[in-house]
N, C-alpha and C. Protein backbone atom coordinates (compact mmCIF):
# COMPACT_ATOMS: atom_id res chain seq x y z
N UNK A 1 86.58 101.62 107.03
CA UNK A 1 87.60 100.52 106.00
C UNK A 1 87.70 99.43 107.07
N UNK A 2 88.02 98.55 106.86
CA UNK A 2 88.67 97.12 107.29
C UNK A 2 89.98 97.82 107.90
N UNK A 3 90.17 97.07 109.14
CA UNK A 3 91.84 96.94 109.60
C UNK A 3 92.76 96.63 109.35
N UNK A 4 93.57 96.77 108.30
CA UNK A 4 94.74 96.36 107.56
C UNK A 4 95.97 95.89 108.49
N UNK A 5 96.15 94.95 108.09
CA UNK A 5 97.76 94.15 108.30
C UNK A 5 98.97 94.02 107.50
N UNK A 6 99.85 94.81 108.01
CA UNK A 6 100.55 94.94 106.62
C UNK A 6 102.25 94.55 106.92
N UNK A 7 102.56 93.70 106.03
CA UNK A 7 103.72 92.72 106.71
C UNK A 7 104.42 93.17 105.30
N UNK A 8 106.19 93.77 105.50
CA UNK A 8 106.83 93.09 104.23
C UNK A 8 107.52 91.98 104.42
N UNK A 9 107.40 91.13 103.26
CA UNK A 9 107.96 90.01 102.98
C UNK A 9 109.21 89.35 102.74
N UNK A 10 109.31 90.87 102.18
CA UNK A 10 111.04 91.37 101.25
C UNK A 10 111.47 92.59 101.94
N UNK A 11 112.87 93.12 101.24
CA UNK A 11 113.10 94.44 101.19
C UNK A 11 112.90 95.20 100.48
N UNK A 12 111.89 94.65 98.76
CA UNK A 12 111.42 95.85 98.50
C UNK A 12 109.26 95.60 98.18
N UNK A 13 109.13 94.54 99.06
CA UNK A 13 107.40 94.26 98.67
C UNK A 13 106.52 94.82 100.65
N UNK A 14 105.61 94.88 99.94
CA UNK A 14 104.80 95.56 101.22
C UNK A 14 103.92 94.35 100.72
N UNK A 15 102.87 93.85 101.82
CA UNK A 15 102.14 93.40 101.57
C UNK A 15 100.33 93.59 102.47
N UNK A 16 99.54 93.79 102.03
CA UNK A 16 98.24 94.55 102.62
C UNK A 16 97.66 93.74 102.52
N UNK A 17 96.97 93.22 104.33
CA UNK A 17 95.79 91.88 104.14
C UNK A 17 94.60 92.57 104.68
N UNK A 18 93.31 92.79 104.35
CA UNK A 18 91.76 93.42 104.83
C UNK A 18 90.86 92.07 104.80
N UNK A 19 90.06 92.13 105.54
CA UNK A 19 88.86 91.37 105.80
C UNK A 19 87.68 92.22 105.53
N UNK A 20 86.42 92.08 104.54
CA UNK A 20 85.77 93.11 104.63
C UNK A 20 84.39 92.65 104.54
N UNK A 21 83.65 93.21 105.77
CA UNK A 21 81.85 92.00 106.02
C UNK A 21 81.11 92.75 104.50
N UNK A 22 81.67 92.11 103.32
CA UNK A 22 80.62 92.15 102.52
C UNK A 22 81.28 91.38 101.42
N UNK A 23 80.48 90.71 100.14
CA UNK A 23 80.37 89.73 99.50
C UNK A 23 81.15 90.55 98.42
N UNK A 24 82.25 89.76 98.08
CA UNK A 24 83.46 89.86 97.10
C UNK A 24 82.54 90.93 95.97
N UNK A 25 81.87 90.65 95.20
CA UNK A 25 81.14 91.28 94.41
C UNK A 25 81.08 93.65 94.82
N UNK A 26 80.66 93.33 96.12
CA UNK A 26 80.51 94.91 96.45
C UNK A 26 82.16 95.04 95.89
N UNK A 27 82.86 94.45 96.77
CA UNK A 27 84.22 94.47 97.81
C UNK A 27 85.03 94.63 96.09
N UNK A 28 84.47 94.29 94.96
CA UNK A 28 85.31 94.54 93.28
C UNK A 28 84.61 96.38 92.94
N UNK A 29 83.41 96.10 92.61
CA UNK A 29 82.55 97.29 92.25
C UNK A 29 83.15 99.04 93.66
N UNK A 30 83.63 98.17 94.56
CA UNK A 30 84.17 99.28 95.35
C UNK A 30 85.55 100.00 95.21
N UNK A 31 86.55 98.99 94.09
CA UNK A 31 87.73 98.86 94.07
C UNK A 31 88.15 99.51 92.58
N UNK A 32 86.89 99.74 91.75
CA UNK A 32 86.59 99.80 90.45
C UNK A 32 86.01 100.67 89.84
N UNK A 33 84.59 101.42 91.02
CA UNK A 33 83.57 102.47 90.37
C UNK A 33 84.51 103.38 90.97
N UNK A 34 84.54 104.43 90.22
CA UNK A 34 85.37 105.85 89.64
C UNK A 34 84.44 106.70 91.16
N UNK A 35 83.48 106.71 91.00
CA UNK A 35 82.19 107.19 92.37
C UNK A 35 82.97 107.15 93.87
N UNK A 36 83.12 105.37 93.66
CA UNK A 36 83.50 104.77 95.14
C UNK A 36 84.59 105.04 95.28
N UNK A 37 85.22 104.73 94.61
CA UNK A 37 86.73 104.78 94.23
C UNK A 37 87.28 105.84 95.54
N UNK A 38 86.50 107.29 94.57
CA UNK A 38 86.86 108.85 94.96
C UNK A 38 86.53 108.71 97.01
N UNK A 39 85.45 107.69 97.02
CA UNK A 39 84.55 107.98 98.02
C UNK A 39 85.77 107.70 99.39
N UNK A 40 87.20 106.61 99.29
CA UNK A 40 87.45 106.31 100.07
C UNK A 40 89.44 106.53 100.18
N UNK A 41 89.75 106.51 98.35
CA UNK A 41 91.32 106.44 98.37
C UNK A 41 91.97 107.62 98.50
N UNK A 42 93.00 108.55 98.56
CA UNK A 42 93.20 109.23 99.19
C UNK A 42 93.28 110.29 100.68
N UNK A 43 93.58 109.00 101.74
CA UNK A 43 93.85 108.97 102.75
C UNK A 43 93.05 110.19 103.78
N UNK A 44 91.72 110.33 103.14
CA UNK A 44 90.61 111.21 103.56
C UNK A 44 90.43 112.36 102.68
N UNK A 45 91.74 112.81 102.04
CA UNK A 45 91.41 113.86 100.93
C UNK A 45 90.54 113.52 99.85
N UNK A 46 90.40 114.68 99.18
CA UNK A 46 89.69 114.81 98.05
C UNK A 46 89.91 114.38 97.14
N UNK A 47 89.97 113.68 95.91
CA UNK A 47 90.66 113.17 95.40
C UNK A 47 89.09 113.07 93.79
N UNK A 48 90.42 113.03 92.75
CA UNK A 48 89.74 113.63 91.63
C UNK A 48 89.93 112.10 90.86
N UNK A 49 88.93 111.09 90.41
CA UNK A 49 89.53 110.00 89.40
C UNK A 49 89.33 110.77 88.15
N UNK A 50 90.46 110.77 87.66
CA UNK A 50 90.71 111.18 86.05
C UNK A 50 90.55 110.69 85.34
N UNK A 51 91.19 108.86 85.39
CA UNK A 51 90.63 108.27 83.82
C UNK A 51 90.45 106.47 84.98
N UNK A 52 89.85 105.44 84.58
CA UNK A 52 90.27 104.42 85.43
C UNK A 52 89.71 103.07 83.92
N UNK A 53 90.71 103.40 83.15
CA UNK A 53 90.21 102.26 82.25
C UNK A 53 90.28 100.73 82.47
N UNK A 54 89.57 100.26 83.39
CA UNK A 54 90.02 98.63 83.59
C UNK A 54 89.92 97.66 82.45
N UNK A 55 91.03 97.82 81.59
CA UNK A 55 90.98 96.48 81.05
C UNK A 55 92.27 96.84 80.97
N UNK A 56 93.43 95.49 80.27
CA UNK A 56 94.13 95.63 80.26
C UNK A 56 95.25 96.31 79.45
N UNK A 57 96.29 96.72 80.06
CA UNK A 57 96.55 97.63 79.18
C UNK A 57 96.43 99.13 79.31
N UNK A 58 94.58 99.17 80.23
CA UNK A 58 94.18 100.90 80.07
C UNK A 58 95.55 101.17 81.42
N UNK A 59 94.90 102.60 81.25
CA UNK A 59 95.65 103.47 82.12
C UNK A 59 94.52 104.07 83.83
N UNK A 60 95.01 104.20 84.60
CA UNK A 60 94.14 104.68 85.85
C UNK A 60 94.86 106.04 85.94
N UNK A 61 94.47 107.23 86.86
CA UNK A 61 94.97 108.41 86.87
C UNK A 61 93.78 108.91 88.15
N UNK A 62 94.23 108.88 89.74
CA UNK A 62 93.69 109.46 90.20
C UNK A 62 94.74 111.00 91.14
N UNK A 63 93.78 111.85 91.06
CA UNK A 63 94.59 113.25 91.94
C UNK A 63 93.84 113.86 93.58
N UNK A 64 95.08 113.62 94.14
CA UNK A 64 93.97 114.19 95.71
C UNK A 64 94.90 114.97 96.09
N UNK A 65 93.75 115.38 96.42
CA UNK A 65 94.04 117.25 96.50
C UNK A 65 93.89 117.10 97.96
N UNK A 66 95.16 117.61 98.78
CA UNK A 66 95.42 118.09 100.16
C UNK A 66 95.68 119.19 100.89
N UNK A 67 95.63 119.50 102.06
CA UNK A 67 96.47 120.57 102.91
C UNK A 67 97.94 120.94 101.86
N UNK A 68 98.86 119.66 101.78
CA UNK A 68 100.18 120.35 101.64
C UNK A 68 100.16 119.90 99.81
N UNK A 69 99.19 120.13 98.79
CA UNK A 69 99.09 120.35 98.21
C UNK A 69 98.07 118.95 97.18
N UNK A 70 98.56 119.16 95.48
CA UNK A 70 98.26 117.78 94.84
C UNK A 70 99.16 117.44 94.25
N UNK A 71 98.60 115.82 94.74
CA UNK A 71 99.60 114.34 94.19
C UNK A 71 98.93 114.16 93.17
N UNK A 72 99.30 113.66 92.53
CA UNK A 72 98.76 112.43 91.04
C UNK A 72 99.57 110.91 91.82
N UNK A 73 98.77 110.19 90.93
CA UNK A 73 98.99 108.74 90.77
C UNK A 73 98.66 108.29 89.82
N UNK A 74 99.83 107.64 88.78
CA UNK A 74 98.69 106.40 88.01
C UNK A 74 99.34 105.72 87.46
N UNK A 75 99.25 105.02 86.61
CA UNK A 75 99.94 103.26 85.70
C UNK A 75 99.08 103.02 85.38
N UNK A 76 99.00 101.23 84.98
CA UNK A 76 98.61 100.77 83.98
C UNK A 76 97.92 99.91 84.10
N UNK A 77 97.21 98.96 83.73
CA UNK A 77 96.92 97.58 84.27
C UNK A 77 97.16 96.63 83.53
N UNK A 78 98.24 95.56 84.30
CA UNK A 78 98.82 94.35 83.26
C UNK A 78 97.94 93.79 83.29
N UNK A 79 96.49 93.45 84.39
CA UNK A 79 95.95 92.62 84.36
C UNK A 79 94.68 92.47 84.85
N UNK A 80 92.65 92.52 84.15
CA UNK A 80 92.18 92.79 84.91
C UNK A 80 91.05 90.90 85.05
N UNK A 81 91.39 90.69 85.93
CA UNK A 81 90.23 89.59 85.82
C UNK A 81 89.11 89.81 86.69
N UNK A 82 87.92 90.38 86.56
CA UNK A 82 86.80 90.41 87.50
C UNK A 82 85.75 89.70 87.56
N UNK A 83 85.10 88.87 89.27
CA UNK A 83 85.67 89.77 90.03
C UNK A 83 87.34 89.67 91.05
N UNK A 84 87.80 89.00 90.30
CA UNK A 84 88.85 88.48 91.18
C UNK A 84 89.99 89.30 91.16
N UNK A 85 90.33 89.65 90.41
CA UNK A 85 91.99 90.19 90.59
C UNK A 85 92.19 91.69 89.54
N UNK A 86 93.34 92.28 89.95
CA UNK A 86 93.48 93.20 89.29
C UNK A 86 95.60 93.53 89.57
N UNK A 87 96.04 93.32 88.29
CA UNK A 87 97.00 93.57 88.79
C UNK A 87 98.02 94.89 87.48
N UNK A 88 98.59 95.37 88.19
CA UNK A 88 98.51 96.89 87.71
C UNK A 88 100.21 97.57 88.22
N UNK A 89 100.22 98.68 87.05
CA UNK A 89 101.61 99.61 88.10
C UNK A 89 101.06 100.83 88.51
N UNK A 90 102.03 101.19 89.59
CA UNK A 90 101.64 102.59 90.49
C UNK A 90 103.30 103.87 90.57
N UNK A 91 102.38 104.47 89.96
CA UNK A 91 103.52 106.07 90.48
C UNK A 91 103.35 106.81 90.89
N UNK A 92 104.04 107.80 91.62
CA UNK A 92 103.95 109.21 91.97
C UNK A 92 104.43 109.82 91.62
N UNK A 93 103.17 110.81 90.93
CA UNK A 93 103.89 112.14 90.22
C UNK A 93 105.51 113.09 91.14
N UNK A 94 105.38 113.18 92.20
CA UNK A 94 106.71 113.54 93.21
C UNK A 94 107.68 112.46 93.45
N UNK A 95 107.49 111.27 92.58
CA UNK A 95 108.94 110.40 91.79
C UNK A 95 108.69 109.68 90.73
N UNK A 96 108.92 110.61 89.30
CA UNK A 96 108.76 109.59 88.75
C UNK A 96 109.85 108.58 88.45
N UNK A 97 109.37 107.94 87.30
CA UNK A 97 110.45 106.37 86.79
C UNK A 97 110.46 105.73 88.34
N UNK A 98 109.69 106.16 89.66
CA UNK A 98 109.86 104.96 90.12
C UNK A 98 108.65 104.08 90.62
N UNK A 99 108.18 103.45 88.99
CA UNK A 99 107.39 102.81 88.96
C UNK A 99 106.92 101.25 89.86
N UNK A 100 106.01 101.24 90.94
CA UNK A 100 105.96 99.31 91.56
C UNK A 100 104.92 99.24 90.86
N UNK A 101 104.49 97.68 90.87
CA UNK A 101 103.24 97.13 90.80
C UNK A 101 102.49 97.26 91.56
N UNK A 102 101.14 96.39 91.41
CA UNK A 102 100.52 96.16 92.93
C UNK A 102 99.89 95.54 91.97
N UNK A 103 99.32 93.99 92.84
CA UNK A 103 98.24 93.01 92.94
C UNK A 103 97.28 93.55 93.76
N UNK A 104 96.21 92.76 93.52
CA UNK A 104 95.09 93.15 94.27
C UNK A 104 94.75 91.68 93.93
N UNK A 105 94.16 91.19 94.98
CA UNK A 105 93.66 89.97 95.12
C UNK A 105 92.79 89.53 95.48
N UNK A 106 91.12 89.63 95.42
CA UNK A 106 89.94 89.63 96.29
C UNK A 106 89.33 87.87 96.08
N UNK A 107 90.87 86.83 95.97
CA UNK A 107 90.31 85.31 95.86
C UNK A 107 89.55 84.46 97.50
N UNK A 108 90.39 85.34 98.49
CA UNK A 108 90.60 84.74 99.63
C UNK A 108 88.58 84.77 100.06
N UNK A 109 87.81 84.34 99.32
CA UNK A 109 86.30 84.84 99.80
C UNK A 109 86.14 83.43 100.54
N UNK A 110 84.76 84.23 102.11
CA UNK A 110 84.71 82.74 102.59
C UNK A 110 83.13 83.39 102.42
N UNK A 111 82.53 82.68 102.55
CA UNK A 111 80.95 82.21 102.85
C UNK A 111 80.46 83.67 101.65
N UNK A 112 79.31 84.62 101.75
CA UNK A 112 79.30 85.72 101.09
C UNK A 112 78.71 86.57 101.74
N UNK A 113 79.34 86.35 102.87
CA UNK A 113 79.27 88.05 103.42
C UNK A 113 80.87 88.68 103.65
N UNK A 114 81.71 87.68 103.62
CA UNK A 114 82.88 88.04 103.66
C UNK A 114 84.58 88.44 102.78
N UNK A 115 85.13 89.79 102.65
CA UNK A 115 85.48 89.08 101.68
C UNK A 115 87.07 89.25 102.45
N UNK A 116 88.30 88.51 101.82
CA UNK A 116 89.76 89.14 101.81
C UNK A 116 90.22 89.60 101.15
N UNK A 117 91.01 90.82 101.12
CA UNK A 117 91.57 91.31 100.07
C UNK A 117 93.58 91.35 100.71
N UNK A 118 93.60 91.02 99.84
CA UNK A 118 95.15 90.89 100.06
C UNK A 118 95.70 91.73 98.77
N UNK A 119 96.39 92.33 98.95
CA UNK A 119 97.59 94.05 98.30
C UNK A 119 99.22 93.26 98.10
N UNK A 120 99.73 93.41 97.60
CA UNK A 120 101.47 93.00 97.57
C UNK A 120 102.21 94.60 96.30
N UNK A 121 101.92 94.77 97.20
CA UNK A 121 102.74 95.93 96.17
C UNK A 121 105.07 95.83 96.26
N UNK A 122 104.98 95.92 94.86
CA UNK A 122 106.85 95.12 94.41
C UNK A 122 107.06 96.94 94.42
N UNK A 123 108.11 96.91 95.23
CA UNK A 123 108.92 98.32 94.55
C UNK A 123 110.24 98.14 93.92
N UNK A 124 110.90 99.28 93.54
CA UNK A 124 111.97 99.72 92.53
C UNK A 124 113.09 99.21 93.77
N UNK A 125 113.13 99.65 94.79
CA UNK A 125 114.23 99.92 95.84
C UNK A 125 113.60 99.55 97.13
N UNK A 126 114.11 98.66 98.52
CA UNK A 126 113.73 98.89 99.43
C UNK A 126 113.53 100.31 100.13
N UNK A 127 114.13 102.07 99.25
CA UNK A 127 114.01 103.27 100.13
C UNK A 127 112.73 103.69 99.20
N UNK A 128 112.29 103.27 98.07
CA UNK A 128 111.06 102.96 97.67
C UNK A 128 109.59 102.61 98.04
N UNK A 129 110.07 101.06 98.67
CA UNK A 129 109.16 100.66 99.50
C UNK A 129 109.10 101.39 101.15
N UNK A 130 110.18 102.06 101.48
CA UNK A 130 109.90 102.32 102.80
C UNK A 130 109.07 103.60 102.50
N UNK A 131 109.66 104.88 101.98
CA UNK A 131 108.63 105.70 101.43
C UNK A 131 107.50 105.28 101.42
N UNK A 132 107.26 104.52 101.21
CA UNK A 132 105.41 104.17 100.71
C UNK A 132 104.65 103.73 101.89
N UNK A 133 105.40 103.04 102.83
CA UNK A 133 104.96 102.91 104.25
C UNK A 133 104.72 104.38 104.99
N UNK A 134 105.18 105.44 104.73
CA UNK A 134 106.13 106.21 105.61
C UNK A 134 104.43 106.64 105.07
N UNK A 135 104.53 106.93 104.09
CA UNK A 135 103.24 107.78 103.45
C UNK A 135 101.79 107.40 104.03
N UNK A 136 100.98 106.73 104.54
CA UNK A 136 100.08 106.45 104.86
C UNK A 136 99.51 105.39 104.21
N UNK A 137 99.96 104.60 103.71
CA UNK A 137 99.46 104.21 102.77
C UNK A 137 98.35 102.19 103.12
N UNK A 138 98.74 102.84 104.33
CA UNK A 138 97.61 101.45 105.56
C UNK A 138 95.89 101.94 105.01
N UNK A 139 95.84 103.32 104.59
CA UNK A 139 95.09 103.66 104.60
C UNK A 139 94.34 103.82 103.40
N UNK A 140 94.84 103.28 102.59
CA UNK A 140 94.41 103.00 101.35
C UNK A 140 93.63 101.88 101.07
C-alpha cells in the first residue's frame, strides 16, 4: 500500500493522502470491490465484508477479526460518484453514536498510471479524532 501522509487541518478532522502507482479505475475497484477491500482493510487482520451497498443511502459493514477480538465498523453512503468520490459515515461498534464522516476523493489523477487518493474524516469531537489516530488508521 502507498505510504500515507496524515495531517490534522482542524481539531476534529484528519486528512490522509496517498499516491498509488495505478490508474484511477484500478484504485476505485480496490476501494469498492468486497474481495479486494478484504485484502487491505483491517490493519493486516482478517476482514469480513458483510455489506457493501455502493449507492446513495446504501449500507456498508466490515468486521475485523484480530488477536484483540472482533471489531465491527459500518456506515451509510451519502454520495457515490464512480470512479471519483465517495462520501460516507463511519462508526465503530466499540463507540456507538460516535459517528464520523469520511470523504474519499480520487479526483487528483495524474497521467494514466498514478492516482492521488485523499480521504478526509470529520469526527464529532477532538477526542474521537485522537482515538482514531491512535488506532492505526494510517494503515487503512
